Amino acid sequence: MQGDFKEKKTEAQWQKAIDDFWRRATPQWFDWLEWVLILGIMTFLAEQTKAILLIIVSAISYAALFFYLQSLVFSLEFHGFPLIRSERGRRIASLLLSGVLSIALWILLSSLVSQIKGKI
């Protein structure tokens, strides 16, 4: 998937692009929230019961979520950065932006898990 910061579109094209984005992103978002709920419950149960199997499954699940987010976000390519002229610079800027997005998503979802497990 690519994002171009300098892309020229008509208002109708932008509206279609935004609609298409939300049509694809919303089901994914609710899938992630389901995963977060499951992780919160699993982590809570692991802490309450001290069951080694639950602790292992919880740890593996956190790692799986982290690597899934990494693979998803780092597959994005960004173009049209202001003041960046070279392809190498664009790739570096794209990787940095992807890294920031990945870390932000991880922090958001991990924080949600912590809040869920504290309320169960």
PDB file of N, CA and C in Angstrom:
ATOM      1  N   MET A   1       0.832  -1.164   0.000  1.00  0.00           N
ATOM      2  CA  MET A   1       0.000   0.000   0.000  1.00  0.00           C
ATOM      3  C   MET A   1       0.883   1.235   0.000  1.00  0.00           C
ATOM      4  N   GLN A   2       0.454   2.263  -0.723  1.00  0.00           N
ATOM      5  CA  GLN A   2       1.261   3.463  -0.837  1.00  0.00           C
ATOM      6  C   GLN A   2       0.459   4.688  -0.412  1.00  0.00           C
ATOM      7  N   GLY A   3       1.177   5.657   0.123  1.00  0.00           N
ATOM      8  CA  GLY A   3       0.586   6.954   0.446  1.00  0.00           C
ATOM      9  C   GLY A   3       1.452   8.037  -0.153  1.00  0.00           C
ATOM     10  N   ASP A   4       0.858   8.948  -0.904  1.00  0.00           N
ATOM     11  CA  ASP A   4       1.603  10.021  -1.555  1.00  0.00           C
ATOM     12  C   ASP A   4       1.125  11.354  -0.996  1.00  0.00           C
ATOM     13  N   PHE A   5       2.040  12.069  -0.325  1.00  0.00           N
ATOM     14  CA  PHE A   5       1.686  13.331   0.311  1.00  0.00           C
ATOM     15  C   PHE A   5       1.505  14.466  -0.690  1.00  0.00           C
ATOM     16  N   LYS A   6       1.944  14.298  -1.924  1.00  0.00           N
ATOM     17  CA  LYS A   6       1.824  15.351  -2.925  1.00  0.00           C
ATOM     18  C   LYS A   6       0.810  15.021  -4.014  1.00  0.00           C
ATOM     19  N   GLU A   7       0.074  13.942  -3.849  1.00  0.00           N
ATOM     20  CA  GLU A   7      -0.869  13.501  -4.867  1.00  0.00           C
ATOM     21  C   GLU A   7      -1.967  14.548  -5.071  1.00  0.00           C
ATOM     22  N   LYS A   8      -2.262  14.831  -6.320  1.00  0.00           N
ATOM     23  CA  LYS A   8      -3.305  15.802  -6.673  1.00  0.00           C
ATOM     24  C   LYS A   8      -4.563  15.033  -7.047  1.00  0.00           C
ATOM     25  N   LYS A   9      -5.663  15.330  -6.344  1.00  0.00           N
ATOM     26  CA  LYS A   9      -6.932  14.681  -6.630  1.00  0.00           C
ATOM     27  C   LYS A   9      -8.033  15.723  -6.594  1.00  0.00           C
ATOM     28  N   THR A  10      -9.107  15.421  -7.268  1.00  0.00           N
ATOM     29  CA  THR A  10     -10.280  16.276  -7.173  1.00  0.00           C
ATOM     30  C   THR A  10     -10.964  16.007  -5.836  1.00  0.00           C
ATOM     31  N   GLU A  11     -11.915  16.856  -5.484  1.00  0.00           N
ATOM     32  CA  GLU A  11     -12.640  16.659  -4.234  1.00  0.00           C
ATOM     33  C   GLU A  11     -13.373  15.321  -4.238  1.00  0.00           C
ATOM     34  N   ALA A  12     -13.968  14.969  -5.374  1.00  0.00           N
ATOM     35  CA  ALA A  12     -14.685  13.694  -5.487  1.00  0.00           C
ATOM     36  C   ALA A  12     -13.714  12.514  -5.348  1.00  0.00           C
ATOM     37  N   GLN A  13     -12.523  12.616  -5.924  1.00  0.00           N
ATOM     38  CA  GLN A  13     -11.529  11.543  -5.807  1.00  0.00           C
ATOM     39  C   GLN A  13     -11.053  11.398  -4.363  1.00  0.00           C
ATOM     40  N   TRP A  14     -10.846  12.530  -3.674  1.00  0.00           N
ATOM     41  CA  TRP A  14     -10.450  12.458  -2.269  1.00  0.00           C
ATOM     42  C   TRP A  14     -11.554  11.831  -1.431  1.00  0.00           C
ATOM     43  N   GLN A  15     -12.808  12.201  -1.704  1.00  0.00           N
ATOM     44  CA  GLN A  15     -13.915  11.627  -0.939  1.00  0.00           C
ATOM     45  C   GLN A  15     -14.004  10.123  -1.153  1.00  0.00           C
ATOM     46  N   LYS A  16     -13.807   9.683  -2.400  1.00  0.00           N
ATOM     47  CA  LYS A  16     -13.829   8.252  -2.683  1.00  0.00           C
ATOM     48  C   LYS A  16     -12.679   7.540  -1.965  1.00  0.00           C
ATOM     49  N   ALA A  17     -11.492   8.147  -1.994  1.00  0.00           N
ATOM     50  CA  ALA A  17     -10.329   7.556  -1.324  1.00  0.00           C
ATOM     51  C   ALA A  17     -10.569   7.442   0.189  1.00  0.00           C
ATOM     52  N   ILE A  18     -11.155   8.475   0.779  1.00  0.00           N
ATOM     53  CA  ILE A  18     -11.434   8.457   2.216  1.00  0.00           C
ATOM     54  C   ILE A  18     -12.492   7.396   2.530  1.00  0.00           C
ATOM     55  N   ASP A  19     -13.550   7.347   1.715  1.00  0.00           N
ATOM     56  CA  ASP A  19     -14.588   6.327   1.916  1.00  0.00           C
ATOM     57  C   ASP A  19     -14.019   4.922   1.796  1.00  0.00           C
ATOM     58  N   ASP A  20     -13.189   4.706   0.773  1.00  0.00           N
ATOM     59  CA  ASP A  20     -12.561   3.388   0.577  1.00  0.00           C
ATOM     60  C   ASP A  20     -11.680   3.016   1.769  1.00  0.00           C
ATOM     61  N   PHE A  21     -10.933   3.995   2.276  1.00  0.00           N
ATOM     62  CA  PHE A  21     -10.068   3.736   3.432  1.00  0.00           C
ATOM     63  C   PHE A  21     -10.898   3.259   4.618  1.00  0.00           C
ATOM     64  N   TRP A  22     -11.949   3.997   4.970  1.00  0.00           N
ATOM     65  CA  TRP A  22     -12.760   3.633   6.138  1.00  0.00           C
ATOM     66  C   TRP A  22     -13.497   2.324   5.938  1.00  0.00           C
ATOM     67  N   ARG A  23     -13.886   2.034   4.715  1.00  0.00           N
ATOM     68  CA  ARG A  23     -14.544   0.756   4.430  1.00  0.00           C
ATOM     69  C   ARG A  23     -13.601  -0.413   4.697  1.00  0.00           C
ATOM     70  N   ARG A  24     -12.316  -0.227   4.389  1.00  0.00           N
ATOM     71  CA  ARG A  24     -11.322  -1.286   4.631  1.00  0.00           C
ATOM     72  C   ARG A  24     -10.814  -1.278   6.066  1.00  0.00           C
ATOM     73  N   ALA A  25     -10.640  -0.088   6.651  1.00  0.00           N
ATOM     74  CA  ALA A  25      -9.999   0.025   7.958  1.00  0.00           C
ATOM     75  C   ALA A  25     -10.916  -0.338   9.122  1.00  0.00           C
ATOM     76  N   THR A  26     -12.191  -0.026   9.020  1.00  0.00           N
ATOM     77  CA  THR A  26     -13.092  -0.234  10.154  1.00  0.00           C
ATOM     78  C   THR A  26     -13.210  -1.701  10.561  1.00  0.00           C
ATOM     79  N   PRO A  27     -13.426  -2.647   9.646  1.00  0.00           N
ATOM     80  CA  PRO A  27     -13.464  -4.053  10.088  1.00  0.00           C
ATOM     81  C   PRO A  27     -12.140  -4.497  10.713  1.00  0.00           C
ATOM     82  N   GLN A  28     -11.025  -4.013  10.175  1.00  0.00           N
ATOM     83  CA  GLN A  28      -9.716  -4.355  10.739  1.00  0.00           C
ATOM     84  C   GLN A  28      -9.596  -3.810  12.160  1.00  0.00           C
ATOM     85  N   TRP A  29     -10.047  -2.581  12.367  1.00  0.00           N
ATOM     86  CA  TRP A  29      -9.976  -1.964  13.683  1.00  0.00           C
ATOM     87  C   TRP A  29     -10.745  -2.794  14.718  1.00  0.00           C
ATOM     88  N   PHE A  30     -11.954  -3.234  14.359  1.00  0.00           N
ATOM     89  CA  PHE A  30     -12.740  -4.016  15.309  1.00  0.00           C
ATOM     90  C   PHE A  30     -12.160  -5.415  15.528  1.00  0.00           C
ATOM     91  N   ASP A  31     -11.489  -5.954  14.528  1.00  0.00           N
ATOM     92  CA  ASP A  31     -10.746  -7.203  14.745  1.00  0.00           C
ATOM     93  C   ASP A  31      -9.662  -6.987  15.798  1.00  0.00           C
ATOM     94  N   TRP A  32      -8.929  -5.877  15.677  1.00  0.00           N
ATOM     95  CA  TRP A  32      -7.872  -5.584  16.642  1.00  0.00           C
ATOM     96  C   TRP A  32      -8.450  -5.391  18.039  1.00  0.00           C
ATOM     97  N   LEU A  33      -9.586  -4.708  18.150  1.00  0.00           N
ATOM     98  CA  LEU A  33     -10.202  -4.511  19.455  1.00  0.00           C
ATOM     99  C   LEU A  33     -10.617  -5.848  20.070  1.00  0.00           C
ATOM    100  N   GLU A  34     -11.082  -6.763  19.228  1.00  0.00           N
ATOM    101  CA  GLU A  34     -11.408  -8.105  19.719  1.00  0.00           C
ATOM    102  C   GLU A  34     -10.149  -8.787  20.255  1.00  0.00           C
ATOM    103  N   TRP A  35      -9.045  -8.666  19.519  1.00  0.00           N
ATOM    104  CA  TRP A  35      -7.780  -9.252  19.956  1.00  0.00           C
ATOM    105  C   TRP A  35      -7.355  -8.651  21.294  1.00  0.00           C
ATOM    106  N   VAL A  36      -7.505  -7.320  21.421  1.00  0.00           N
ATOM    107  CA  VAL A  36      -7.123  -6.628  22.651  1.00  0.00           C
ATOM    108  C   VAL A  36      -7.966  -7.127  23.819  1.00  0.00           C
ATOM    109  N   LEU A  37      -9.254  -7.305  23.600  1.00  0.00           N
ATOM    110  CA  LEU A  37     -10.128  -7.820  24.649  1.00  0.00           C
ATOM    111  C   LEU A  37      -9.684  -9.216  25.082  1.00  0.00           C
ATOM    112  N   ILE A  38      -9.402 -10.055  24.126  1.00  0.00           N
ATOM    113  CA  ILE A  38      -8.934 -11.416  24.439  1.00  0.00           C
ATOM    114  C   ILE A  38      -7.611 -11.369  25.193  1.00  0.00           C
ATOM    115  N   LEU A  39      -6.679 -10.518  24.747  1.00  0.00           N
ATOM    116  CA  LEU A  39      -5.391 -10.388  25.448  1.00  0.00           C
ATOM    117  C   LEU A  39      -5.585  -9.881  26.875  1.00  0.00           C
ATOM    118  N   GLY A  40      -6.484  -8.917  27.051  1.00  0.00           N
ATOM    119  CA  GLY A  40      -6.746  -8.392  28.391  1.00  0.00           C
ATOM    120  C   GLY A  40      -7.280  -9.461  29.321  1.00  0.00           C
ATOM    121  N   ILE A  41      -8.231 -10.237  28.839  1.00  0.00           N
ATOM    122  CA  ILE A  41      -8.801 -11.310  29.651  1.00  0.00           C
ATOM    123  C   ILE A  41      -7.747 -12.375  29.944  1.00  0.00           C
ATOM    124  N   MET A  42      -6.986 -12.751  28.916  1.00  0.00           N
ATOM    125  CA  MET A  42      -5.958 -13.781  29.092  1.00  0.00           C
ATOM    126  C   MET A  42      -4.883 -13.324  30.085  1.00  0.00           C
ATOM    127  N   THR A  43      -4.458 -12.071  29.981  1.00  0.00           N
ATOM    128  CA  THR A  43      -3.444 -11.545  30.889  1.00  0.00           C
ATOM    129  C   THR A  43      -3.979 -11.479  32.322  1.00  0.00           C
ATOM    130  N   PHE A  44      -5.210 -11.043  32.467  1.00  0.00           N
ATOM    131  CA  PHE A  44      -5.836 -11.004  33.787  1.00  0.00           C
ATOM    132  C   PHE A  44      -5.877 -12.399  34.410  1.00  0.00           C
ATOM    133  N   LEU A  45      -6.344 -13.375  33.640  1.00  0.00           N
ATOM    134  CA  LEU A  45      -6.428 -14.749  34.150  1.00  0.00           C
ATOM    135  C   LEU A  45      -5.050 -15.307  34.485  1.00  0.00           C
ATOM    136  N   ALA A  46      -4.055 -14.991  33.641  1.00  0.00           N
ATOM    137  CA  ALA A  46      -2.691 -15.461  33.907  1.00  0.00           C
ATOM    138  C   ALA A  46      -2.166 -14.880  35.216  1.00  0.00           C
ATOM    139  N   GLU A  47      -2.427 -13.600  35.465  1.00  0.00           N
ATOM    140  CA  GLU A  47      -1.960 -12.972  36.699  1.00  0.00           C
ATOM    141  C   GLU A  47      -2.719 -13.499  37.921  1.00  0.00           C
ATOM    142  N   GLN A  48      -4.000 -13.764  37.775  1.00  0.00           N
ATOM    143  CA  GLN A  48      -4.807 -14.229  38.900  1.00  0.00           C
ATOM    144  C   GLN A  48      -4.513 -15.685  39.269  1.00  0.00           C
ATOM    145  N   THR A  49      -4.373 -16.524  38.243  1.00  0.00           N
ATOM    146  CA  THR A  49      -4.213 -17.956  38.495  1.00  0.00           C
ATOM    147  C   THR A  49      -2.753 -18.384  38.607  1.00  0.00           C
ATOM    148  N   LYS A  50      -1.855 -17.574  38.064  1.00  0.00           N
ATOM    149  CA  LYS A  50      -0.422 -17.916  38.012  1.00  0.00           C
ATOM    150  C   LYS A  50      -0.180 -19.210  37.235  1.00  0.00           C
ATOM    151  N   ALA A  51      -1.112 -19.556  36.361  1.00  0.00           N
ATOM    152  CA  ALA A  51      -0.995 -20.774  35.552  1.00  0.00           C
ATOM    153  C   ALA A  51       0.071 -20.549  34.481  1.00  0.00           C
ATOM    154  N   ILE A  52       1.067 -21.400  34.469  1.00  0.00           N
ATOM    155  CA  ILE A  52       2.204 -21.240  33.561  1.00  0.00           C
ATOM    156  C   ILE A  52       1.769 -21.272  32.102  1.00  0.00           C
ATOM    157  N   LEU A  53       0.804 -22.128  31.767  1.00  0.00           N
ATOM    158  CA  LEU A  53       0.330 -22.212  30.388  1.00  0.00           C
ATOM    159  C   LEU A  53      -0.308 -20.893  29.943  1.00  0.00           C
ATOM    160  N   LEU A  54      -1.113 -20.294  30.796  1.00  0.00           N
ATOM    161  CA  LEU A  54      -1.726 -18.999  30.461  1.00  0.00           C
ATOM    162  C   LEU A  54      -0.671 -17.898  30.333  1.00  0.00           C
ATOM    163  N   ILE A  55       0.332 -17.946  31.185  1.00  0.00           N
ATOM    164  CA  ILE A  55       1.414 -16.955  31.114  1.00  0.00           C
ATOM    165  C   ILE A  55       2.157 -17.093  29.789  1.00  0.00           C
ATOM    166  N   ILE A  56       2.446 -18.319  29.387  1.00  0.00           N
ATOM    167  CA  ILE A  56       3.157 -18.561  28.127  1.00  0.00           C
ATOM    168  C   ILE A  56       2.310 -18.120  26.937  1.00  0.00           C
ATOM    169  N   VAL A  57       1.040 -18.522  26.936  1.00  0.00           N
ATOM    170  CA  VAL A  57       0.150 -18.152  25.825  1.00  0.00           C
ATOM    171  C   VAL A  57      -0.013 -16.635  25.758  1.00  0.00           C
ATOM    172  N   SER A  58      -0.124 -15.984  26.897  1.00  0.00           N
ATOM    173  CA  SER A  58      -0.243 -14.530  26.932  1.00  0.00           C
ATOM    174  C   SER A  58       1.012 -13.863  26.352  1.00  0.00           C
ATOM    175  N   ALA A  59       2.184 -14.336  26.762  1.00  0.00           N
ATOM    176  CA  ALA A  59       3.446 -13.768  26.256  1.00  0.00           C
ATOM    177  C   ALA A  59       3.585 -13.977  24.746  1.00  0.00           C
ATOM    178  N   ILE A  60       3.261 -15.159  24.287  1.00  0.00           N
ATOM    179  CA  ILE A  60       3.324 -15.440  22.843  1.00  0.00           C
ATOM    180  C   ILE A  60       2.340 -14.546  22.093  1.00  0.00           C
ATOM    181  N   SER A  61       1.167 -14.329  22.677  1.00  0.00           N
ATOM    182  CA  SER A  61       0.151 -13.499  22.034  1.00  0.00           C
ATOM    183  C   SER A  61       0.599 -12.046  21.916  1.00  0.00           C
ATOM    184  N   TYR A  62       1.237 -11.522  22.971  1.00  0.00           N
ATOM    185  CA  TYR A  62       1.778 -10.158  22.897  1.00  0.00           C
ATOM    186  C   TYR A  62       2.833 -10.058  21.796  1.00  0.00           C
ATOM    187  N   ALA A  63       3.729 -11.036  21.749  1.00  0.00           N
ATOM    188  CA  ALA A  63       4.770 -11.033  20.719  1.00  0.00           C
ATOM    189  C   ALA A  63       4.159 -11.130  19.323  1.00  0.00           C
ATOM    190  N   ALA A  64       3.158 -11.991  19.171  1.00  0.00           N
ATOM    191  CA  ALA A  64       2.510 -12.137  17.866  1.00  0.00           C
ATOM    192  C   ALA A  64       1.852 -10.831  17.427  1.00  0.00           C
ATOM    193  N   LEU A  65       1.188 -10.154  18.356  1.00  0.00           N
ATOM    194  CA  LEU A  65       0.556  -8.873  18.029  1.00  0.00           C
ATOM    195  C   LEU A  65       1.607  -7.851  17.624  1.00  0.00           C
ATOM    196  N   PHE A  66       2.708  -7.800  18.365  1.00  0.00           N
ATOM    197  CA  PHE A  66       3.782  -6.860  18.052  1.00  0.00           C
ATOM    198  C   PHE A  66       4.335  -7.095  16.647  1.00  0.00           C
ATOM    199  N   PHE A  67       4.659  -8.346  16.319  1.00  0.00           N
ATOM    200  CA  PHE A  67       5.240  -8.639  15.010  1.00  0.00           C
ATOM    201  C   PHE A  67       4.220  -8.487  13.887  1.00  0.00           C
ATOM    202  N   TYR A  68       2.953  -8.751  14.178  1.00  0.00           N
ATOM    203  CA  TYR A  68       1.904  -8.513  13.176  1.00  0.00           C
ATOM    204  C   TYR A  68       1.830  -7.021  12.843  1.00  0.00           C
ATOM    205  N   LEU A  69       1.820  -6.176  13.871  1.00  0.00           N
ATOM    206  CA  LEU A  69       1.767  -4.727  13.642  1.00  0.00           C
ATOM    207  C   LEU A  69       2.995  -4.257  12.868  1.00  0.00           C
ATOM    208  N   GLN A  70       4.162  -4.798  13.223  1.00  0.00           N
ATOM    209  CA  GLN A  70       5.385  -4.434  12.495  1.00  0.00           C
ATOM    210  C   GLN A  70       5.263  -4.771  11.017  1.00  0.00           C
ATOM    211  N   SER A  71       4.830  -5.999  10.730  1.00  0.00           N
ATOM    212  CA  SER A  71       4.746  -6.416   9.322  1.00  0.00           C
ATOM    213  C   SER A  71       3.697  -5.617   8.570  1.00  0.00           C
ATOM    214  N   LEU A  72       2.609  -5.294   9.229  1.00  0.00           N
ATOM    215  CA  LEU A  72       1.544  -4.529   8.583  1.00  0.00           C
ATOM    216  C   LEU A  72       1.994  -3.105   8.268  1.00  0.00           C
ATOM    217  N   VAL A  73       2.522  -2.427   9.261  1.00  0.00           N
ATOM    218  CA  VAL A  73       2.874  -1.020   9.088  1.00  0.00           C
ATOM    219  C   VAL A  73       4.102  -0.857   8.197  1.00  0.00           C
ATOM    220  N   PHE A  74       5.081  -1.744   8.317  1.00  0.00           N
ATOM    221  CA  PHE A  74       6.278  -1.592   7.490  1.00  0.00           C
ATOM    222  C   PHE A  74       6.039  -1.998   6.031  1.00  0.00           C
ATOM    223  N   SER A  75       4.861  -2.535   5.719  1.00  0.00           N
ATOM    224  CA  SER A  75       4.542  -2.811   4.317  1.00  0.00           C
ATOM    225  C   SER A  75       4.019  -1.557   3.613  1.00  0.00           C
ATOM    226  N   LEU A  76       3.747  -0.495   4.373  1.00  0.00           N
ATOM    227  CA  LEU A  76       3.285   0.763   3.782  1.00  0.00           C
ATOM    228  C   LEU A  76       4.458   1.510   3.163  1.00  0.00           C
ATOM    229  N   GLU A  77       4.211   2.143   2.037  1.00  0.00           N
ATOM    230  CA  GLU A  77       5.227   2.990   1.403  1.00  0.00           C
ATOM    231  C   GLU A  77       4.672   4.396   1.282  1.00  0.00           C
ATOM    232  N   PHE A  78       5.436   5.362   1.781  1.00  0.00           N
ATOM    233  CA  PHE A  78       5.018   6.757   1.712  1.00  0.00           C
ATOM    234  C   PHE A  78       5.857   7.484   0.677  1.00  0.00           C
ATOM    235  N   HIS A  79       5.213   8.362  -0.085  1.00  0.00           N
ATOM    236  CA  HIS A  79       5.869   9.146  -1.130  1.00  0.00           C
ATOM    237  C   HIS A  79       5.493  10.611  -0.962  1.00  0.00           C
ATOM    238  N   GLY A  80       6.247  11.475  -1.635  1.00  0.00           N
ATOM    239  CA  GLY A  80       5.905  12.894  -1.684  1.00  0.00           C
ATOM    240  C   GLY A  80       6.282  13.677  -0.442  1.00  0.00           C
ATOM    241  N   PHE A  81       7.324  13.238   0.284  1.00  0.00           N
ATOM    242  CA  PHE A  81       7.759  14.000   1.446  1.00  0.00           C
ATOM    243  C   PHE A  81       8.318  15.348   1.001  1.00  0.00           C
ATOM    244  N   PRO A  82       7.973  16.419   1.685  1.00  0.00           N
ATOM    245  CA  PRO A  82       8.549  17.719   1.325  1.00  0.00           C
ATOM    246  C   PRO A  82      10.055  17.735   1.602  1.00  0.00           C
ATOM    247  N   LEU A  83      10.794  18.374   0.750  1.00  0.00           N
ATOM    248  CA  LEU A  83      12.243  18.588   0.879  1.00  0.00           C
ATOM    249  C   LEU A  83      13.088  17.332   0.705  1.00  0.00           C
ATOM    250  N   ILE A  84      12.498  16.206   0.387  1.00  0.00           N
ATOM    251  CA  ILE A  84      13.277  14.985   0.172  1.00  0.00           C
ATOM    252  C   ILE A  84      13.255  14.687  -1.321  1.00  0.00           C
ATOM    253  N   ARG A  85      14.438  14.665  -1.914  1.00  0.00           N
ATOM    254  CA  ARG A  85      14.536  14.518  -3.370  1.00  0.00           C
ATOM    255  C   ARG A  85      15.001  13.122  -3.804  1.00  0.00           C
ATOM    256  N   SER A  86      15.840  12.485  -2.998  1.00  0.00           N
ATOM    257  CA  SER A  86      16.419  11.207  -3.421  1.00  0.00           C
ATOM    258  C   SER A  86      15.524  10.037  -3.029  1.00  0.00           C
ATOM    259  N   GLU A  87      15.638   8.955  -3.781  1.00  0.00           N
ATOM    260  CA  GLU A  87      14.870   7.740  -3.488  1.00  0.00           C
ATOM    261  C   GLU A  87      15.323   7.139  -2.167  1.00  0.00           C
ATOM    262  N   ARG A  88      16.620   7.178  -1.896  1.00  0.00           N
ATOM    263  CA  ARG A  88      17.144   6.654  -0.633  1.00  0.00           C
ATOM    264  C   ARG A  88      16.571   7.436   0.544  1.00  0.00           C
ATOM    265  N   GLY A  89      16.526   8.752   0.437  1.00  0.00           N
ATOM    266  CA  GLY A  89      15.950   9.593   1.485  1.00  0.00           C
ATOM    267  C   GLY A  89      14.470   9.307   1.681  1.00  0.00           C
ATOM    268  N   ARG A  90      13.751   9.074   0.577  1.00  0.00           N
ATOM    269  CA  ARG A  90      12.330   8.757   0.662  1.00  0.00           C
ATOM    270  C   ARG A  90      12.117   7.445   1.394  1.00  0.00           C
ATOM    271  N   ARG A  91      12.942   6.436   1.061  1.00  0.00           N
ATOM    272  CA  ARG A  91      12.821   5.137   1.725  1.00  0.00           C
ATOM    273  C   ARG A  91      13.098   5.251   3.225  1.00  0.00           C
ATOM    274  N   ILE A  92      14.122   6.014   3.585  1.00  0.00           N
ATOM    275  CA  ILE A  92      14.456   6.196   5.000  1.00  0.00           C
ATOM    276  C   ILE A  92      13.320   6.920   5.721  1.00  0.00           C
ATOM    277  N   ALA A  93      12.804   7.994   5.118  1.00  0.00           N
ATOM    278  CA  ALA A  93      11.694   8.735   5.729  1.00  0.00           C
ATOM    279  C   ALA A  93      10.455   7.854   5.852  1.00  0.00           C
ATOM    280  N   SER A  94      10.196   7.025   4.839  1.00  0.00           N
ATOM    281  CA  SER A  94       9.052   6.119   4.861  1.00  0.00           C
ATOM    282  C   SER A  94       9.198   5.098   5.988  1.00  0.00           C
ATOM    283  N   LEU A  95      10.406   4.546   6.147  1.00  0.00           N
ATOM    284  CA  LEU A  95      10.657   3.589   7.235  1.00  0.00           C
ATOM    285  C   LEU A  95      10.511   4.242   8.609  1.00  0.00           C
ATOM    286  N   LEU A  96      11.005   5.470   8.741  1.00  0.00           N
ATOM    287  CA  LEU A  96      10.880   6.170  10.018  1.00  0.00           C
ATOM    288  C   LEU A  96       9.420   6.443  10.351  1.00  0.00           C
ATOM    289  N   LEU A  97       8.647   6.903   9.371  1.00  0.00           N
ATOM    290  CA  LEU A  97       7.226   7.156   9.595  1.00  0.00           C
ATOM    291  C   LEU A  97       6.498   5.856   9.932  1.00  0.00           C
ATOM    292  N   SER A  98       6.835   4.785   9.232  1.00  0.00           N
ATOM    293  CA  SER A  98       6.232   3.484   9.524  1.00  0.00           C
ATOM    294  C   SER A  98       6.584   3.027  10.935  1.00  0.00           C
ATOM    295  N   GLY A  99       7.821   3.238  11.347  1.00  0.00           N
ATOM    296  CA  GLY A  99       8.237   2.871  12.696  1.00  0.00           C
ATOM    297  C   GLY A  99       7.468   3.638  13.759  1.00  0.00           C
ATOM    298  N   VAL A 100       7.291   4.932  13.550  1.00  0.00           N
ATOM    299  CA  VAL A 100       6.527   5.753  14.499  1.00  0.00           C
ATOM    300  C   VAL A 100       5.079   5.263  14.574  1.00  0.00           C
ATOM    301  N   LEU A 101       4.472   4.985  13.419  1.00  0.00           N
ATOM    302  CA  LEU A 101       3.098   4.475  13.399  1.00  0.00           C
ATOM    303  C   LEU A 101       2.986   3.129  14.112  1.00  0.00           C
ATOM    304  N   SER A 102       3.952   2.259  13.869  1.00  0.00           N
ATOM    305  CA  SER A 102       3.946   0.936  14.486  1.00  0.00           C
ATOM    306  C   SER A 102       4.053   1.040  16.000  1.00  0.00           C
ATOM    307  N   ILE A 103       4.970   1.851  16.478  1.00  0.00           N
ATOM    308  CA  ILE A 103       5.148   2.030  17.924  1.00  0.00           C
ATOM    309  C   ILE A 103       3.896   2.653  18.540  1.00  0.00           C
ATOM    310  N   ALA A 104       3.318   3.643  17.864  1.00  0.00           N
ATOM    311  CA  ALA A 104       2.100   4.282  18.384  1.00  0.00           C
ATOM    312  C   ALA A 104       0.955   3.280  18.485  1.00  0.00           C
ATOM    313  N   LEU A 105       0.779   2.444  17.469  1.00  0.00           N
ATOM    314  CA  LEU A 105      -0.270   1.420  17.509  1.00  0.00           C
ATOM    315  C   LEU A 105      -0.015   0.425  18.634  1.00  0.00           C
ATOM    316  N   TRP A 106       1.234   0.006  18.787  1.00  0.00           N
ATOM    317  CA  TRP A 106       1.589  -0.948  19.842  1.00  0.00           C
ATOM    318  C   TRP A 106       1.279  -0.361  21.221  1.00  0.00           C
ATOM    319  N   ILE A 107       1.672   0.898  21.443  1.00  0.00           N
ATOM    320  CA  ILE A 107       1.418   1.545  22.726  1.00  0.00           C
ATOM    321  C   ILE A 107      -0.089   1.664  22.971  1.00  0.00           C
ATOM    322  N   LEU A 108      -0.822   2.071  21.952  1.00  0.00           N
ATOM    323  CA  LEU A 108      -2.278   2.209  22.079  1.00  0.00           C
ATOM    324  C   LEU A 108      -2.929   0.883  22.447  1.00  0.00           C
ATOM    325  N   LEU A 109      -2.635  -0.157  21.681  1.00  0.00           N
ATOM    326  CA  LEU A 109      -3.265  -1.453  21.921  1.00  0.00           C
ATOM    327  C   LEU A 109      -2.809  -2.071  23.243  1.00  0.00           C
ATOM    328  N   SER A 110      -1.537  -1.932  23.584  1.00  0.00           N
ATOM    329  CA  SER A 110      -1.038  -2.454  24.867  1.00  0.00           C
ATOM    330  C   SER A 110      -1.678  -1.721  26.042  1.00  0.00           C
ATOM    331  N   SER A 111      -1.860  -0.411  25.898  1.00  0.00           N
ATOM    332  CA  SER A 111      -2.513   0.365  26.958  1.00  0.00           C
ATOM    333  C   SER A 111      -3.957  -0.079  27.136  1.00  0.00           C
ATOM    334  N   LEU A 112      -4.623  -0.360  26.031  1.00  0.00           N
ATOM    335  CA  LEU A 112      -5.995  -0.854  26.120  1.00  0.00           C
ATOM    336  C   LEU A 112      -6.046  -2.192  26.854  1.00  0.00           C
ATOM    337  N   VAL A 113      -5.094  -3.071  26.560  1.00  0.00           N
ATOM    338  CA  VAL A 113      -5.043  -4.373  27.246  1.00  0.00           C
ATOM    339  C   VAL A 113      -4.876  -4.151  28.747  1.00  0.00           C
ATOM    340  N   SER A 114      -3.972  -3.271  29.136  1.00  0.00           N
ATOM    341  CA  SER A 114      -3.731  -3.004  30.554  1.00  0.00           C
ATOM    342  C   SER A 114      -4.982  -2.464  31.228  1.00  0.00           C
ATOM    343  N   GLN A 115      -5.685  -1.572  30.549  1.00  0.00           N
ATOM    344  CA  GLN A 115      -6.905  -1.008  31.138  1.00  0.00           C
ATOM    345  C   GLN A 115      -7.997  -2.057  31.251  1.00  0.00           C
ATOM    346  N   ILE A 116      -8.103  -2.922  30.251  1.00  0.00           N
ATOM    347  CA  ILE A 116      -9.117  -3.980  30.292  1.00  0.00           C
ATOM    348  C   ILE A 116      -8.826  -4.938  31.442  1.00  0.00           C
ATOM    349  N   LYS A 117      -7.582  -5.385  31.554  1.00  0.00           N
ATOM    350  CA  LYS A 117      -7.275  -6.370  32.607  1.00  0.00           C
ATOM    351  C   LYS A 117      -7.430  -5.762  33.988  1.00  0.00           C
ATOM    352  N   GLY A 118      -7.274  -4.448  34.132  1.00  0.00           N
ATOM    353  CA  GLY A 118      -7.469  -3.803  35.414  1.00  0.00           C
ATOM    354  C   GLY A 118      -8.924  -3.637  35.803  1.00  0.00           C
ATOM    355  N   LYS A 119      -9.828  -3.783  34.839  1.00  0.00           N
ATOM    356  CA  LYS A 119     -11.256  -3.587  35.088  1.00  0.00           C
ATOM    357  C   LYS A 119     -12.041  -4.886  35.190  1.00  0.00           C
ATOM    358  N   ILE A 120     -11.409  -5.998  34.866  1.00  0.00           N
ATOM    359  CA  ILE A 120     -12.134  -7.275  34.876  1.00  0.00           C
ATOM    360  C   ILE A 120     -12.262  -7.765  36.298  1.00  0.00           C
TER     361      ILE A 120
END
